[in-house]
Amino acid sequence: YRLDEAKETAIYQWISSVLKIETIWDKPNALRPALPYATMNISLGSRSTGAPEEIYKALDTFTYPNRKVMTLTVNIYADNAYLAYMEKLINSINLPSVQDKLYAAGMAVWDHSDPVDISTLLDTKYEYRVSIDIFIAYAVDADDTPGEIQRVSIDGAVNDTGGDLTFHQTIGET
């Protein structure tokens, strides 16, 4: 699952600037950087969070902003400082500067899971790892043109122009 470039860039800049370690998008069979590093992955694509609101757009067109949530999984690989990196990331979620940058890209952090220690033995050495899921909300607009005019307004006026009465009627959108 891929996002648009502005969203991916905003997420990457946030995570990499907070952790200050090499940060990469997780790809199958990618070379592993030297420790410490972080990987990011959209582990669950967009899912709806309720019915969209109907917004009148034009005479016969409506916009439906579909509220979506995706799951961003961040894994941190490090020596024994792996939990300190995770704490930095969690503490950054509610910072106004982080929220402003995500809002500018059309996103907001909805919530996050508890971090999970996923450390493991690799060959003969123990590798420290920690993982967290961050739930990010955003909206995707969908336009619908049902082919019928659903709203009409009528303004009527009677003019007296020297004995002749005329009626003017305007039909337009509301």
Protein backbone atom coordinates (compact mmCIF):
# COMPACT_ATOMS: atom_id res chain seq x y z
CA TYR A 1 0.00 0.00 0.00
CA ARG A 2 1.39 3.38 -1.00
CA LEU A 3 0.27 6.86 -0.08
CA ASP A 4 0.53 9.99 -2.13
CA GLU A 5 3.99 11.53 -2.10
CA ALA A 6 3.11 14.43 0.23
CA LYS A 7 1.81 12.08 2.92
CA GLU A 8 4.78 9.70 2.64
CA THR A 9 7.22 12.61 2.79
CA ALA A 10 5.55 14.10 5.88
CA ILE A 11 5.62 10.73 7.68
CA TYR A 12 9.25 10.10 6.73
CA GLN A 13 10.36 13.59 7.82
CA TRP A 14 8.57 13.22 11.15
CA ILE A 15 10.00 9.80 12.05
CA SER A 16 13.55 10.45 10.81
CA SER A 17 13.82 13.91 12.42
CA VAL A 18 12.66 12.62 15.81
CA LEU A 19 14.76 9.46 15.91
CA LYS A 20 17.85 10.96 14.24
CA ILE A 21 18.87 7.53 12.94
CA GLU A 22 18.66 6.05 9.46
CA THR A 23 14.98 5.59 8.64
CA ILE A 24 13.75 3.61 5.64
CA TRP A 25 10.51 2.34 4.18
CA ASP A 26 10.41 -1.42 4.77
CA LYS A 27 10.70 -3.34 1.50
CA PRO A 28 11.00 -7.08 0.96
CA ASN A 29 14.59 -8.28 0.50
CA ALA A 30 16.03 -4.79 1.13
CA LEU A 31 19.54 -4.54 2.51
CA ARG A 32 19.66 -3.86 6.22
CA PRO A 33 21.44 -0.68 7.28
CA ALA A 34 23.91 -0.65 10.15
CA LEU A 35 22.44 -0.35 13.65
CA PRO A 36 20.66 1.74 14.82
CA TYR A 37 17.93 2.21 12.24
CA ALA A 38 14.15 2.34 11.88
CA THR A 39 11.80 0.88 9.30
CA MET A 40 8.34 2.10 8.41
CA ASN A 41 5.58 0.17 6.71
CA ILE A 42 1.92 0.79 5.96
CA SER A 43 0.87 -2.51 7.46
CA LEU A 44 -2.86 -1.97 7.06
CA GLY A 45 -4.22 0.16 4.26
CA SER A 46 -7.02 2.61 4.54
CA ARG A 47 -10.17 1.56 6.29
CA SER A 48 -13.27 3.68 6.74
CA THR A 49 -14.20 5.11 10.11
CA GLY A 50 -17.86 5.79 9.44
CA ALA A 51 -20.29 7.03 6.85
CA PRO A 52 -19.17 10.16 4.99
CA GLU A 53 -21.00 13.45 5.28
CA GLU A 54 -22.75 14.72 2.13
CA ILE A 55 -21.51 18.16 1.06
CA TYR A 56 -23.26 20.11 -1.68
CA LYS A 57 -20.68 21.05 -4.34
CA ALA A 58 -22.54 22.18 -7.46
CA LEU A 59 -25.99 22.10 -9.02
CA ASP A 60 -26.07 18.29 -9.32
CA THR A 61 -22.79 17.23 -7.66
CA PHE A 62 -22.03 16.24 -4.09
CA THR A 63 -18.73 15.58 -2.34
CA TYR A 64 -18.36 12.82 0.21
CA PRO A 65 -15.23 13.17 2.40
CA ASN A 66 -14.50 9.57 3.37
CA ARG A 67 -12.74 9.43 6.73
CA LYS A 68 -9.98 6.84 6.66
CA VAL A 69 -7.44 5.37 9.07
CA MET A 70 -4.26 3.54 8.11
CA THR A 71 -1.77 1.68 10.30
CA LEU A 72 1.86 2.76 10.14
CA THR A 73 4.15 0.17 11.73
CA VAL A 74 7.49 1.51 12.92
CA ASN A 75 10.21 -0.95 13.94
CA ILE A 76 13.38 0.24 15.65
CA TYR A 77 16.53 -1.88 15.54
CA ALA A 78 19.33 -0.86 17.90
CA ASP A 79 21.68 -1.98 20.60
CA ASN A 80 20.41 -1.65 24.13
CA ALA A 81 19.08 1.91 23.46
CA TYR A 82 16.14 0.65 21.41
CA LEU A 83 13.58 1.55 24.09
CA ALA A 84 14.95 5.09 24.38
CA TYR A 85 14.40 5.59 20.64
CA MET A 86 10.83 4.34 20.97
CA GLU A 87 10.18 6.67 23.88
CA LYS A 88 11.36 9.62 21.74
CA LEU A 89 8.95 8.59 19.00
CA ILE A 90 5.97 8.19 21.36
CA ASN A 91 6.71 11.52 23.07
CA SER A 92 6.76 13.28 19.69
CA ILE A 93 3.26 12.21 18.65
CA ASN A 94 1.44 15.01 20.50
CA LEU A 95 3.95 17.78 19.85
CA PRO A 96 2.28 20.76 18.12
CA SER A 97 5.10 20.99 15.55
CA VAL A 98 4.59 17.35 14.54
CA GLN A 99 0.82 17.71 14.41
CA ASP A 100 1.11 20.87 12.28
CA LYS A 101 3.32 19.12 9.72
CA LEU A 102 0.98 16.15 9.50
CA TYR A 103 -2.09 18.43 9.25
CA ALA A 104 -0.39 20.28 6.38
CA ALA A 105 -0.22 16.95 4.54
CA GLY A 106 -3.88 16.18 5.36
CA MET A 107 -3.27 13.73 8.21
CA ALA A 108 -3.52 13.42 11.98
CA VAL A 109 -2.38 10.79 14.45
CA TRP A 110 -5.52 9.00 15.61
CA ASP A 111 -3.91 6.76 18.24
CA HIS A 112 -1.08 4.28 18.72
CA SER A 113 -0.58 0.83 20.17
CA ASP A 114 1.66 -0.02 23.05
CA PRO A 115 5.22 -0.70 21.95
CA VAL A 116 6.08 -4.38 21.65
CA ASP A 117 9.53 -5.81 22.23
CA ILE A 118 10.26 -8.06 19.26
CA SER A 119 13.94 -8.68 20.04
CA THR A 120 15.34 -11.92 18.67
CA LEU A 121 18.43 -14.07 18.42
CA LEU A 122 20.14 -13.71 15.02
CA ASP A 123 22.72 -16.42 14.46
CA THR A 124 24.79 -16.03 17.63
CA LYS A 125 23.96 -12.45 18.56
CA TYR A 126 20.88 -10.97 20.21
CA GLU A 127 19.27 -8.14 18.17
CA TYR A 128 17.16 -5.64 20.07
CA ARG A 129 13.99 -4.57 18.33
CA VAL A 130 10.82 -2.75 19.28
CA SER A 131 7.67 -2.17 17.24
CA ILE A 132 4.70 0.18 17.42
CA ASP A 133 1.59 0.69 15.32
CA ILE A 134 0.58 4.31 14.78
CA PHE A 135 -2.95 4.89 13.50
CA ILE A 136 -3.08 7.86 11.14
CA ALA A 137 -6.36 9.46 10.06
CA TYR A 138 -6.98 11.33 6.82
CA ALA A 139 -9.81 12.04 4.40
CA VAL A 140 -10.31 11.12 0.77
CA ASP A 141 -12.97 13.03 -1.15
CA ALA A 142 -15.27 11.27 -3.57
CA ASP A 143 -17.58 13.26 -5.85
CA ASP A 144 -20.94 11.96 -6.98
CA THR A 145 -23.08 13.39 -9.77
CA PRO A 146 -26.41 11.59 -9.55
CA GLY A 147 -27.69 13.33 -12.72
CA GLU A 148 -30.55 15.13 -11.11
CA ILE A 149 -30.98 18.53 -9.57
CA GLN A 150 -31.69 17.99 -5.89
CA ARG A 151 -31.90 21.60 -4.69
CA VAL A 152 -33.76 24.53 -6.24
CA SER A 153 -34.50 28.02 -5.01
CA ILE A 154 -37.08 30.33 -6.50
CA ASP A 155 -37.00 34.10 -6.11
CA GLY A 156 -40.09 35.87 -7.34
CA ALA A 157 -40.71 39.56 -7.74
CA VAL A 158 -43.61 41.59 -9.10
CA ASN A 159 -42.71 44.86 -10.79
CA ASP A 160 -45.19 47.65 -11.44
CA THR A 161 -43.91 49.46 -14.52
CA GLY A 162 -46.63 51.97 -15.25
CA GLY A 163 -49.58 49.69 -15.15
CA ASP A 164 -47.97 46.55 -16.61
CA LEU A 165 -47.35 43.87 -14.03
CA THR A 166 -44.58 41.43 -14.80
CA PHE A 167 -43.41 38.48 -12.79
CA HIS A 168 -39.72 37.55 -12.77
CA GLN A 169 -38.69 34.12 -11.70
CA THR A 170 -35.13 32.90 -11.12
CA ILE A 171 -34.28 29.24 -10.62
CA GLY A 172 -30.84 28.55 -9.28
CA GLU A 173 -28.81 26.61 -6.81
CA THR A 174 -28.98 27.10 -3.07
